[in-house]
């Protein structure tokens, strides 16, 4: 209460709607790539500082942020006119056991909202070439690196219209 935020001074609104079919096709149990998933499609949290990047952020979250910044840049300047505002990214690294530092990138996930008229192959190729490769250190990408671009296959409906529970 002394901080100006408590149960007496705020309103709680409960507004429920169906999840976007674009998301549901990738996370509904018994559907999509992982038939047993039945949960959200991405989520990873960090809470520490380290010496992996100049900003003292862990390598995976630092570069995940750079990827969505690049996505926004290419959307706003019109280089990829079919991009839409909603995007999320996740980087998974293999760490060197001796040094504790990232050794290589295992997986890059970049899900980006897009216009309905872009096909998945064109989108995937452009995202890898124009967003991912210019951002990530090339020495960290190996032949084993996996690129998962819109792994549910479609991301046309985004933002609060696409995902229930979004704040």
Protein backbone atom coordinates (compact mmCIF):
# COMPACT_ATOMS: atom_id res chain seq x y z
CA UNK A 1 0.00 0.00 0.00
CA UNK A 2 2.82 2.45 0.82
CA UNK A 3 4.22 1.71 -2.66
CA UNK A 4 0.94 2.69 -4.31
CA UNK A 5 0.06 -0.76 -5.58
CA UNK A 6 -2.15 -3.14 -3.66
CA UNK A 7 -5.43 -5.03 -3.96
CA UNK A 8 -7.47 -1.94 -2.95
CA UNK A 9 -6.06 0.33 -5.64
CA UNK A 10 -6.02 -1.85 -8.72
CA UNK A 11 -8.58 -3.62 -10.85
CA UNK A 12 -8.30 -7.20 -11.99
CA UNK A 13 -9.94 -7.97 -15.30
CA UNK A 14 -10.52 -11.54 -16.39
CA UNK A 15 -10.93 -11.75 -20.15
CA UNK A 16 -10.71 -15.20 -21.67
CA UNK A 17 -10.63 -16.06 -25.33
CA UNK A 18 -9.56 -19.02 -27.41
CA UNK A 19 -5.90 -19.42 -28.21
CA UNK A 20 -4.90 -18.63 -31.78
CA UNK A 21 -5.12 -21.68 -34.05
CA UNK A 22 -1.59 -20.80 -35.25
CA UNK A 23 -0.25 -21.46 -31.74
CA UNK A 24 -2.65 -24.27 -30.91
CA UNK A 25 -1.46 -26.37 -33.85
CA UNK A 26 1.99 -26.49 -32.29
CA UNK A 27 1.10 -26.96 -28.64
CA UNK A 28 -2.17 -28.87 -28.38
CA UNK A 29 -1.59 -32.33 -26.97
CA UNK A 30 -1.71 -34.96 -29.69
CA UNK A 31 -1.08 -32.45 -32.50
CA UNK A 32 1.96 -30.81 -34.10
CA UNK A 33 5.61 -31.86 -33.97
CA UNK A 34 5.60 -33.19 -30.39
CA UNK A 35 2.49 -35.28 -29.87
CA UNK A 36 2.90 -35.32 -26.08
CA UNK A 37 3.67 -31.64 -25.49
CA UNK A 38 0.37 -30.02 -24.56
CA UNK A 39 2.04 -26.86 -23.21
CA UNK A 40 3.53 -23.58 -24.41
CA UNK A 41 5.83 -23.60 -27.39
CA UNK A 42 8.75 -21.56 -26.00
CA UNK A 43 9.94 -20.32 -22.65
CA UNK A 44 13.32 -19.92 -21.00
CA UNK A 45 14.25 -17.60 -18.15
CA UNK A 46 17.63 -16.27 -17.01
CA UNK A 47 18.62 -14.43 -13.87
CA UNK A 48 22.35 -13.94 -13.57
CA UNK A 49 25.32 -11.94 -14.88
CA UNK A 50 28.37 -13.50 -16.52
CA UNK A 51 31.29 -12.71 -18.82
CA UNK A 52 29.92 -14.40 -21.97
CA UNK A 53 29.00 -11.06 -23.63
CA UNK A 54 30.00 -7.39 -23.24
CA UNK A 55 26.64 -6.68 -21.54
CA UNK A 56 27.26 -9.37 -18.89
CA UNK A 57 24.18 -11.23 -20.10
CA UNK A 58 24.37 -14.93 -20.91
CA UNK A 59 25.14 -15.65 -24.57
CA UNK A 60 21.77 -17.29 -25.36
CA UNK A 61 19.54 -14.46 -24.11
CA UNK A 62 21.85 -11.74 -25.43
CA UNK A 63 21.63 -13.12 -28.96
CA UNK A 64 17.93 -13.99 -28.67
CA UNK A 65 17.35 -10.28 -27.96
CA UNK A 66 19.54 -9.27 -30.91
CA UNK A 67 17.51 -11.53 -33.22
CA UNK A 68 14.16 -9.99 -32.35
CA UNK A 69 15.71 -6.52 -32.59
CA UNK A 70 16.91 -7.38 -36.10
CA UNK A 71 13.46 -8.76 -36.96
CA UNK A 72 11.89 -5.45 -35.87
CA UNK A 73 14.46 -3.45 -37.85
CA UNK A 74 13.81 -5.36 -41.09
CA UNK A 75 10.06 -5.12 -40.57
CA UNK A 76 10.11 -1.38 -39.89
CA UNK A 77 12.42 -0.45 -42.76
CA UNK A 78 10.44 -2.58 -45.23
CA UNK A 79 13.21 -4.97 -46.28
CA UNK A 80 10.98 -7.91 -45.32
CA UNK A 81 7.53 -6.37 -45.87
CA UNK A 82 5.63 -9.53 -44.93
CA UNK A 83 6.93 -9.48 -41.34
CA UNK A 84 4.47 -8.49 -38.62
CA UNK A 85 5.24 -7.11 -35.11
CA UNK A 86 5.04 -10.22 -32.93
CA UNK A 87 8.24 -12.29 -32.67
CA UNK A 88 10.08 -14.43 -30.15
CA UNK A 89 13.43 -16.15 -30.16
CA UNK A 90 15.40 -18.72 -28.22
CA UNK A 91 19.04 -19.77 -28.54
CA UNK A 92 20.37 -23.03 -27.09
CA UNK A 93 24.14 -23.42 -26.72
CA UNK A 94 26.54 -26.23 -26.02
CA UNK A 95 28.99 -25.14 -23.34
CA UNK A 96 32.61 -26.16 -23.02
CA UNK A 97 32.96 -28.22 -19.84
CA UNK A 98 36.50 -26.97 -19.16
CA UNK A 99 35.92 -23.22 -19.63
CA UNK A 100 32.21 -22.92 -18.89
CA UNK A 101 31.84 -20.78 -22.02
CA UNK A 102 29.58 -21.31 -25.03
CA UNK A 103 31.26 -23.62 -27.53
CA UNK A 104 28.66 -23.65 -30.31
CA UNK A 105 25.01 -22.91 -30.97
CA UNK A 106 22.90 -26.05 -30.89
CA UNK A 107 19.49 -24.60 -31.81
CA UNK A 108 18.04 -21.29 -32.96
CA UNK A 109 14.28 -20.79 -32.68
CA UNK A 110 12.77 -17.71 -34.25
CA UNK A 111 9.02 -17.44 -34.47
CA UNK A 112 7.79 -14.38 -36.31
CA UNK A 113 4.34 -13.21 -37.17
CA UNK A 114 3.87 -12.82 -40.91
CA UNK A 115 1.35 -11.89 -43.56
CA UNK A 116 -0.83 -14.77 -44.77
CA UNK A 117 0.53 -14.64 -48.32
CA UNK A 118 4.14 -15.70 -47.57
CA UNK A 119 4.99 -19.39 -47.93
CA UNK A 120 6.95 -21.16 -45.18
CA UNK A 121 10.05 -21.92 -47.28
CA UNK A 122 10.44 -18.30 -48.45
CA UNK A 123 9.95 -17.09 -44.88
CA UNK A 124 12.43 -19.62 -43.47
CA UNK A 125 15.12 -18.83 -46.04
CA UNK A 126 14.77 -15.06 -45.54
CA UNK A 127 14.78 -15.30 -41.73
CA UNK A 128 17.95 -17.42 -41.74
CA UNK A 129 19.81 -15.30 -44.32
CA UNK A 130 18.59 -11.79 -43.41
CA UNK A 131 17.95 -12.00 -39.67
CA UNK A 132 19.90 -14.87 -38.11
CA UNK A 133 23.19 -15.03 -40.03
CA UNK A 134 23.97 -11.29 -39.82
CA UNK A 135 23.44 -11.36 -36.03
CA UNK A 136 25.00 -14.56 -34.72
CA UNK A 137 28.78 -15.05 -34.56
CA UNK A 138 29.59 -17.27 -37.57
CA UNK A 139 32.12 -19.32 -35.61
CA UNK A 140 29.30 -20.42 -33.27
CA UNK A 141 27.20 -21.85 -36.12
CA UNK A 142 28.20 -25.38 -37.10
CA UNK A 143 26.75 -28.00 -39.46
CA UNK A 144 24.97 -29.41 -36.39
CA UNK A 145 23.17 -26.14 -35.62
CA UNK A 146 19.41 -26.51 -35.99
CA UNK A 147 17.25 -23.63 -37.22
CA UNK A 148 13.59 -23.78 -36.21
CA UNK A 149 11.73 -21.00 -37.97
CA UNK A 150 8.05 -20.78 -37.08
CA UNK A 151 8.10 -24.42 -35.99
CA UNK A 152 4.29 -24.56 -35.79
CA UNK A 153 4.31 -23.73 -39.51
CA UNK A 154 2.18 -20.60 -39.39
CA UNK A 155 2.11 -17.40 -37.32
CA UNK A 156 -0.41 -15.04 -38.92
CA UNK A 157 -2.45 -14.15 -35.84
CA UNK A 158 -0.28 -12.40 -33.24
CA UNK A 159 -0.25 -10.09 -30.24
CA UNK A 160 -3.20 -10.04 -27.84
CA UNK A 161 -5.47 -11.39 -30.59
CA UNK A 162 -3.33 -14.51 -30.89
CA UNK A 163 -2.53 -15.62 -27.37
CA UNK A 164 -4.75 -15.74 -24.32
CA UNK A 165 -3.05 -14.62 -21.13
CA UNK A 166 -0.85 -12.07 -22.86
CA UNK A 167 -0.25 -9.00 -20.68
